[in-house]
Amino acid sequence: MELKDEARLLRIFLGESDKVQHSALYDVIVREARRLGLAGATVWRGVMGYGPTSRIRTARILDLSTDLPIIVEIADAHDKIERFLPVLHDLFEAAGCGGLVTVEKVTVIRYLHGKGH
């Protein structure tokens, strides 16, 4: 991604146990984003959350869940994010699971790429 003032932040909410075949959905999303040349992706693991089922998932030792909330964030130019959305749709279809996807306008303050930065 070039240094620009305005970009888009794609935020994908899903569950840790969501899979495409035998791979974690979040892993497949990140690998597809990389393959398609998006600037970068970060996967966040939540300690607690709930979704449309209202079932609370938590990392507390007494209620340890194997399906903690996962958030994948990808920031890049608007057109690159828009081109990735159909790929993301197909991945959710292949996984047979639900999720929440948001896209926000963001301001990039600093982006450095290359060795020595």
N, C-alpha and C. Protein backbone atom coordinates (compact mmCIF):
# COMPACT_ATOMS: atom_id res chain seq x y z
N MET A 1 0.85 -1.18 0.00
CA MET A 1 0.00 0.00 0.00
C MET A 1 0.89 1.23 0.00
N GLU A 2 0.56 2.16 -0.83
CA GLU A 2 1.28 3.43 -0.85
C GLU A 2 0.85 4.27 0.35
N LEU A 3 1.70 5.21 0.71
CA LEU A 3 1.35 6.13 1.79
C LEU A 3 0.23 7.04 1.29
N LYS A 4 -0.92 6.94 1.91
CA LYS A 4 -2.08 7.74 1.53
C LYS A 4 -2.76 8.22 2.79
N ASP A 5 -3.54 9.27 2.64
CA ASP A 5 -4.29 9.79 3.79
C ASP A 5 -5.49 8.92 4.11
N GLU A 6 -6.19 8.45 3.07
CA GLU A 6 -7.44 7.74 3.28
C GLU A 6 -7.34 6.31 2.77
N ALA A 7 -7.89 5.39 3.54
CA ALA A 7 -7.91 3.98 3.18
C ALA A 7 -9.19 3.37 3.74
N ARG A 8 -9.30 2.08 3.65
CA ARG A 8 -10.43 1.35 4.21
C ARG A 8 -9.92 0.30 5.17
N LEU A 9 -10.67 0.10 6.25
CA LEU A 9 -10.38 -0.95 7.21
C LEU A 9 -11.50 -1.98 7.11
N LEU A 10 -11.12 -3.18 6.73
CA LEU A 10 -12.04 -4.31 6.66
C LEU A 10 -11.90 -5.06 7.97
N ARG A 11 -13.00 -5.22 8.68
CA ARG A 11 -12.99 -5.92 9.96
C ARG A 11 -13.95 -7.10 9.84
N ILE A 12 -13.43 -8.29 10.15
CA ILE A 12 -14.18 -9.53 9.97
C ILE A 12 -14.29 -10.22 11.33
N PHE A 13 -15.52 -10.42 11.79
CA PHE A 13 -15.77 -11.09 13.07
C PHE A 13 -16.21 -12.52 12.77
N LEU A 14 -15.57 -13.48 13.40
CA LEU A 14 -15.93 -14.88 13.20
C LEU A 14 -15.56 -15.67 14.43
N GLY A 15 -15.76 -16.96 14.39
CA GLY A 15 -15.45 -17.82 15.52
C GLY A 15 -14.18 -18.60 15.28
N GLU A 16 -13.49 -18.88 16.35
CA GLU A 16 -12.23 -19.61 16.27
C GLU A 16 -12.40 -21.00 15.65
N SER A 17 -13.54 -21.62 15.84
CA SER A 17 -13.74 -22.98 15.32
C SER A 17 -14.27 -23.01 13.89
N ASP A 18 -14.51 -21.84 13.27
CA ASP A 18 -14.98 -21.81 11.87
C ASP A 18 -13.88 -22.32 10.96
N LYS A 19 -14.23 -23.23 10.08
CA LYS A 19 -13.23 -23.89 9.24
C LYS A 19 -13.66 -23.91 7.78
N VAL A 20 -12.64 -23.90 6.90
CA VAL A 20 -12.81 -24.20 5.47
C VAL A 20 -12.04 -25.49 5.27
N GLN A 21 -12.77 -26.55 4.97
CA GLN A 21 -12.22 -27.90 4.97
C GLN A 21 -11.59 -28.15 6.33
N HIS A 22 -10.27 -28.31 6.42
CA HIS A 22 -9.65 -28.59 7.72
C HIS A 22 -8.80 -27.43 8.23
N SER A 23 -8.93 -26.27 7.60
CA SER A 23 -8.13 -25.10 7.99
C SER A 23 -9.01 -24.07 8.67
N ALA A 24 -8.45 -23.38 9.65
CA ALA A 24 -9.18 -22.32 10.33
C ALA A 24 -9.53 -21.23 9.32
N LEU A 25 -10.76 -20.76 9.36
CA LEU A 25 -11.23 -19.75 8.42
C LEU A 25 -10.36 -18.50 8.49
N TYR A 26 -9.99 -18.07 9.71
CA TYR A 26 -9.17 -16.87 9.82
C TYR A 26 -7.83 -17.05 9.11
N ASP A 27 -7.26 -18.25 9.17
CA ASP A 27 -5.99 -18.54 8.50
C ASP A 27 -6.16 -18.46 6.98
N VAL A 28 -7.24 -19.02 6.48
CA VAL A 28 -7.49 -18.99 5.04
C VAL A 28 -7.72 -17.56 4.56
N ILE A 29 -8.43 -16.76 5.35
CA ILE A 29 -8.67 -15.35 4.98
C ILE A 29 -7.34 -14.60 4.87
N VAL A 30 -6.46 -14.76 5.85
CA VAL A 30 -5.17 -14.05 5.83
C VAL A 30 -4.33 -14.51 4.65
N ARG A 31 -4.30 -15.79 4.39
CA ARG A 31 -3.50 -16.30 3.26
C ARG A 31 -4.05 -15.82 1.91
N GLU A 32 -5.37 -15.75 1.78
CA GLU A 32 -5.96 -15.22 0.55
C GLU A 32 -5.68 -13.74 0.39
N ALA A 33 -5.75 -12.99 1.48
CA ALA A 33 -5.44 -11.57 1.43
C ALA A 33 -3.99 -11.36 0.97
N ARG A 34 -3.10 -12.15 1.49
CA ARG A 34 -1.68 -12.05 1.09
C ARG A 34 -1.50 -12.44 -0.36
N ARG A 35 -2.14 -13.52 -0.77
CA ARG A 35 -2.04 -13.98 -2.16
C ARG A 35 -2.52 -12.92 -3.14
N LEU A 36 -3.55 -12.17 -2.74
CA LEU A 36 -4.13 -11.14 -3.61
C LEU A 36 -3.45 -9.79 -3.45
N GLY A 37 -2.41 -9.72 -2.65
CA GLY A 37 -1.60 -8.51 -2.57
C GLY A 37 -2.12 -7.41 -1.68
N LEU A 38 -3.00 -7.73 -0.72
CA LEU A 38 -3.44 -6.70 0.21
C LEU A 38 -2.29 -6.33 1.14
N ALA A 39 -2.33 -5.12 1.66
CA ALA A 39 -1.20 -4.56 2.39
C ALA A 39 -0.81 -5.36 3.62
N GLY A 40 -1.75 -5.89 4.35
CA GLY A 40 -1.44 -6.65 5.55
C GLY A 40 -2.70 -7.02 6.29
N ALA A 41 -2.58 -7.98 7.18
CA ALA A 41 -3.72 -8.45 7.95
C ALA A 41 -3.27 -8.77 9.36
N THR A 42 -4.16 -8.57 10.31
CA THR A 42 -3.91 -8.91 11.71
C THR A 42 -5.09 -9.71 12.23
N VAL A 43 -4.79 -10.77 12.95
CA VAL A 43 -5.83 -11.60 13.57
C VAL A 43 -5.79 -11.35 15.07
N TRP A 44 -6.94 -11.00 15.62
CA TRP A 44 -7.09 -10.77 17.06
C TRP A 44 -7.95 -11.88 17.64
N ARG A 45 -7.53 -12.40 18.78
CA ARG A 45 -8.30 -13.43 19.48
C ARG A 45 -8.96 -12.77 20.68
N GLY A 46 -10.26 -12.84 20.72
CA GLY A 46 -11.00 -12.22 21.81
C GLY A 46 -10.98 -13.07 23.07
N VAL A 47 -11.12 -12.42 24.20
CA VAL A 47 -11.18 -13.15 25.47
C VAL A 47 -12.61 -13.43 25.89
N MET A 48 -13.55 -12.70 25.26
CA MET A 48 -14.95 -12.92 25.59
C MET A 48 -15.82 -12.27 24.52
N GLY A 49 -16.95 -12.88 24.22
CA GLY A 49 -17.87 -12.29 23.26
C GLY A 49 -19.08 -13.18 23.03
N TYR A 50 -20.02 -12.66 22.26
CA TYR A 50 -21.16 -13.46 21.83
C TYR A 50 -21.62 -12.93 20.49
N GLY A 51 -22.34 -13.77 19.79
CA GLY A 51 -22.83 -13.42 18.46
C GLY A 51 -24.33 -13.61 18.39
N PRO A 52 -24.84 -13.94 17.21
CA PRO A 52 -26.29 -14.02 17.01
C PRO A 52 -26.98 -15.09 17.86
N THR A 53 -26.24 -16.11 18.31
CA THR A 53 -26.85 -17.14 19.14
C THR A 53 -26.98 -16.70 20.59
N SER A 54 -26.34 -15.58 20.94
CA SER A 54 -26.30 -15.05 22.30
C SER A 54 -25.57 -15.96 23.28
N ARG A 55 -24.86 -16.97 22.75
CA ARG A 55 -24.07 -17.85 23.61
C ARG A 55 -22.75 -17.16 23.91
N ILE A 56 -22.44 -16.95 25.18
CA ILE A 56 -21.21 -16.27 25.56
C ILE A 56 -20.05 -17.25 25.47
N ARG A 57 -19.01 -16.79 24.80
CA ARG A 57 -17.77 -17.55 24.70
C ARG A 57 -16.72 -16.78 25.48
N THR A 58 -15.95 -17.51 26.29
CA THR A 58 -14.99 -16.83 27.16
C THR A 58 -13.71 -17.64 27.31
N ALA A 59 -12.64 -16.96 27.64
CA ALA A 59 -11.35 -17.62 27.89
C ALA A 59 -11.12 -17.88 29.37
N ARG A 60 -12.11 -17.56 30.21
CA ARG A 60 -11.95 -17.84 31.64
C ARG A 60 -11.77 -19.33 31.85
N ILE A 61 -10.91 -19.69 32.76
CA ILE A 61 -10.53 -21.08 32.96
C ILE A 61 -11.72 -21.99 33.27
N LEU A 62 -12.70 -21.49 34.02
CA LEU A 62 -13.85 -22.33 34.37
C LEU A 62 -14.82 -22.49 33.21
N ASP A 63 -14.83 -21.56 32.27
CA ASP A 63 -15.76 -21.60 31.15
C ASP A 63 -15.02 -21.70 29.82
N LEU A 64 -13.84 -22.32 29.81
CA LEU A 64 -12.97 -22.29 28.65
C LEU A 64 -13.70 -22.75 27.39
N SER A 65 -13.73 -21.88 26.42
CA SER A 65 -14.38 -22.16 25.15
C SER A 65 -13.36 -22.53 24.11
N THR A 66 -13.74 -23.41 23.20
CA THR A 66 -12.88 -23.72 22.06
C THR A 66 -13.32 -22.92 20.84
N ASP A 67 -14.23 -21.99 21.05
CA ASP A 67 -14.73 -21.17 19.95
C ASP A 67 -14.72 -19.70 20.35
N LEU A 68 -13.54 -19.19 20.68
CA LEU A 68 -13.42 -17.79 21.08
C LEU A 68 -13.64 -16.88 19.88
N PRO A 69 -14.02 -15.64 20.15
CA PRO A 69 -14.21 -14.69 19.06
C PRO A 69 -12.86 -14.38 18.39
N ILE A 70 -12.91 -14.23 17.08
CA ILE A 70 -11.75 -13.87 16.28
C ILE A 70 -12.12 -12.64 15.45
N ILE A 71 -11.19 -11.69 15.36
CA ILE A 71 -11.36 -10.53 14.49
C ILE A 71 -10.16 -10.49 13.56
N VAL A 72 -10.42 -10.40 12.26
CA VAL A 72 -9.37 -10.22 11.27
C VAL A 72 -9.51 -8.78 10.77
N GLU A 73 -8.42 -8.02 10.80
CA GLU A 73 -8.44 -6.65 10.30
C GLU A 73 -7.46 -6.54 9.13
N ILE A 74 -7.94 -5.90 8.07
CA ILE A 74 -7.13 -5.67 6.88
C ILE A 74 -7.34 -4.22 6.47
N ALA A 75 -6.25 -3.46 6.35
CA ALA A 75 -6.34 -2.07 5.91
C ALA A 75 -5.63 -1.95 4.56
N ASP A 76 -6.31 -1.30 3.62
CA ASP A 76 -5.72 -1.08 2.30
C ASP A 76 -6.57 -0.06 1.55
N ALA A 77 -6.20 0.18 0.33
CA ALA A 77 -6.93 1.12 -0.51
C ALA A 77 -8.36 0.62 -0.74
N HIS A 78 -9.27 1.56 -0.93
CA HIS A 78 -10.68 1.25 -1.11
C HIS A 78 -10.92 0.21 -2.20
N ASP A 79 -10.31 0.38 -3.37
CA ASP A 79 -10.54 -0.54 -4.48
C ASP A 79 -10.04 -1.95 -4.19
N LYS A 80 -8.93 -2.08 -3.47
CA LYS A 80 -8.42 -3.40 -3.14
C LYS A 80 -9.32 -4.11 -2.14
N ILE A 81 -9.84 -3.36 -1.18
CA ILE A 81 -10.77 -3.95 -0.21
C ILE A 81 -12.05 -4.38 -0.92
N GLU A 82 -12.57 -3.55 -1.81
CA GLU A 82 -13.79 -3.89 -2.56
C GLU A 82 -13.60 -5.15 -3.39
N ARG A 83 -12.43 -5.32 -4.00
CA ARG A 83 -12.16 -6.53 -4.80
C ARG A 83 -12.04 -7.77 -3.93
N PHE A 84 -11.69 -7.59 -2.65
CA PHE A 84 -11.54 -8.73 -1.75
C PHE A 84 -12.88 -9.21 -1.19
N LEU A 85 -13.88 -8.36 -1.16
CA LEU A 85 -15.16 -8.72 -0.55
C LEU A 85 -15.82 -9.95 -1.18
N PRO A 86 -15.85 -10.10 -2.53
CA PRO A 86 -16.43 -11.33 -3.09
C PRO A 86 -15.64 -12.59 -2.70
N VAL A 87 -14.33 -12.47 -2.58
CA VAL A 87 -13.50 -13.60 -2.14
C VAL A 87 -13.89 -13.98 -0.72
N LEU A 88 -14.05 -12.98 0.12
CA LEU A 88 -14.45 -13.20 1.51
C LEU A 88 -15.82 -13.86 1.58
N HIS A 89 -16.74 -13.40 0.75
CA HIS A 89 -18.08 -14.00 0.69
C HIS A 89 -17.97 -15.49 0.36
N ASP A 90 -17.17 -15.82 -0.64
CA ASP A 90 -17.01 -17.23 -1.04
C ASP A 90 -16.39 -18.06 0.08
N LEU A 91 -15.47 -17.48 0.84
CA LEU A 91 -14.86 -18.22 1.95
C LEU A 91 -15.88 -18.51 3.05
N PHE A 92 -16.73 -17.53 3.35
CA PHE A 92 -17.79 -17.78 4.34
C PHE A 92 -18.76 -18.85 3.84
N GLU A 93 -19.08 -18.82 2.55
CA GLU A 93 -19.96 -19.85 1.98
C GLU A 93 -19.31 -21.23 2.11
N ALA A 94 -18.02 -21.32 1.79
CA ALA A 94 -17.31 -22.60 1.88
C ALA A 94 -17.25 -23.10 3.32
N ALA A 95 -17.14 -22.19 4.26
CA ALA A 95 -17.08 -22.57 5.68
C ALA A 95 -18.45 -22.94 6.22
N GLY A 96 -19.50 -22.43 5.57
CA GLY A 96 -20.86 -22.71 6.05
C GLY A 96 -21.14 -22.09 7.40
N CYS A 97 -20.55 -20.94 7.65
CA CYS A 97 -20.75 -20.30 8.94
C CYS A 97 -21.16 -18.84 8.74
N GLY A 98 -21.55 -18.24 9.80
CA GLY A 98 -21.88 -16.82 9.76
C GLY A 98 -20.71 -15.99 10.22
N GLY A 99 -20.89 -14.71 10.12
CA GLY A 99 -19.88 -13.78 10.57
C GLY A 99 -20.39 -12.37 10.34
N LEU A 100 -19.64 -11.42 10.79
CA LEU A 100 -19.98 -10.01 10.60
C LEU A 100 -18.80 -9.36 9.91
N VAL A 101 -19.07 -8.60 8.84
CA VAL A 101 -18.03 -7.92 8.09
C VAL A 101 -18.37 -6.44 8.06
N THR A 102 -17.41 -5.60 8.45
CA THR A 102 -17.61 -4.16 8.38
C THR A 102 -16.47 -3.55 7.57
N VAL A 103 -16.78 -2.43 6.92
CA VAL A 103 -15.77 -1.66 6.20
C VAL A 103 -15.90 -0.22 6.66
N GLU A 104 -14.78 0.35 7.08
CA GLU A 104 -14.78 1.73 7.57
C GLU A 104 -13.77 2.55 6.79
N LYS A 105 -14.07 3.82 6.63
CA LYS A 105 -13.09 4.76 6.09
C LYS A 105 -12.14 5.10 7.22
N VAL A 106 -10.84 4.99 6.96
CA VAL A 106 -9.84 5.30 7.97
C VAL A 106 -8.79 6.24 7.39
N THR A 107 -8.11 6.90 8.27
CA THR A 107 -6.99 7.75 7.87
C THR A 107 -5.70 7.04 8.22
N VAL A 108 -4.85 6.84 7.25
CA VAL A 108 -3.55 6.23 7.48
C VAL A 108 -2.59 7.34 7.91
N ILE A 109 -2.01 7.18 9.06
CA ILE A 109 -1.08 8.17 9.59
C ILE A 109 0.33 7.91 9.07
N ARG A 110 0.72 6.64 9.09
CA ARG A 110 2.07 6.30 8.67
C ARG A 110 2.10 4.87 8.17
N TYR A 111 2.73 4.66 7.06
CA TYR A 111 2.92 3.32 6.54
C TYR A 111 4.29 3.25 5.91
N LEU A 112 5.14 2.42 6.44
CA LEU A 112 6.48 2.23 5.89
C LEU A 112 6.62 0.80 5.43
N HIS A 113 7.27 0.64 4.29
CA HIS A 113 7.46 -0.68 3.76
C HIS A 113 8.91 -0.80 3.32
N GLY A 114 9.47 -1.94 3.57
CA GLY A 114 10.83 -2.18 3.11
C GLY A 114 11.76 -2.48 4.25
N LYS A 115 12.93 -2.93 3.88
CA LYS A 115 13.95 -3.29 4.87
C LYS A 115 14.50 -2.04 5.54
N GLY A 116 14.83 -2.17 6.80
CA GLY A 116 15.44 -1.07 7.53
C GLY A 116 14.49 -0.04 8.07
N HIS A 117 13.18 -0.27 7.95
CA HIS A 117 12.20 0.71 8.47
C HIS A 117 11.61 0.20 9.76
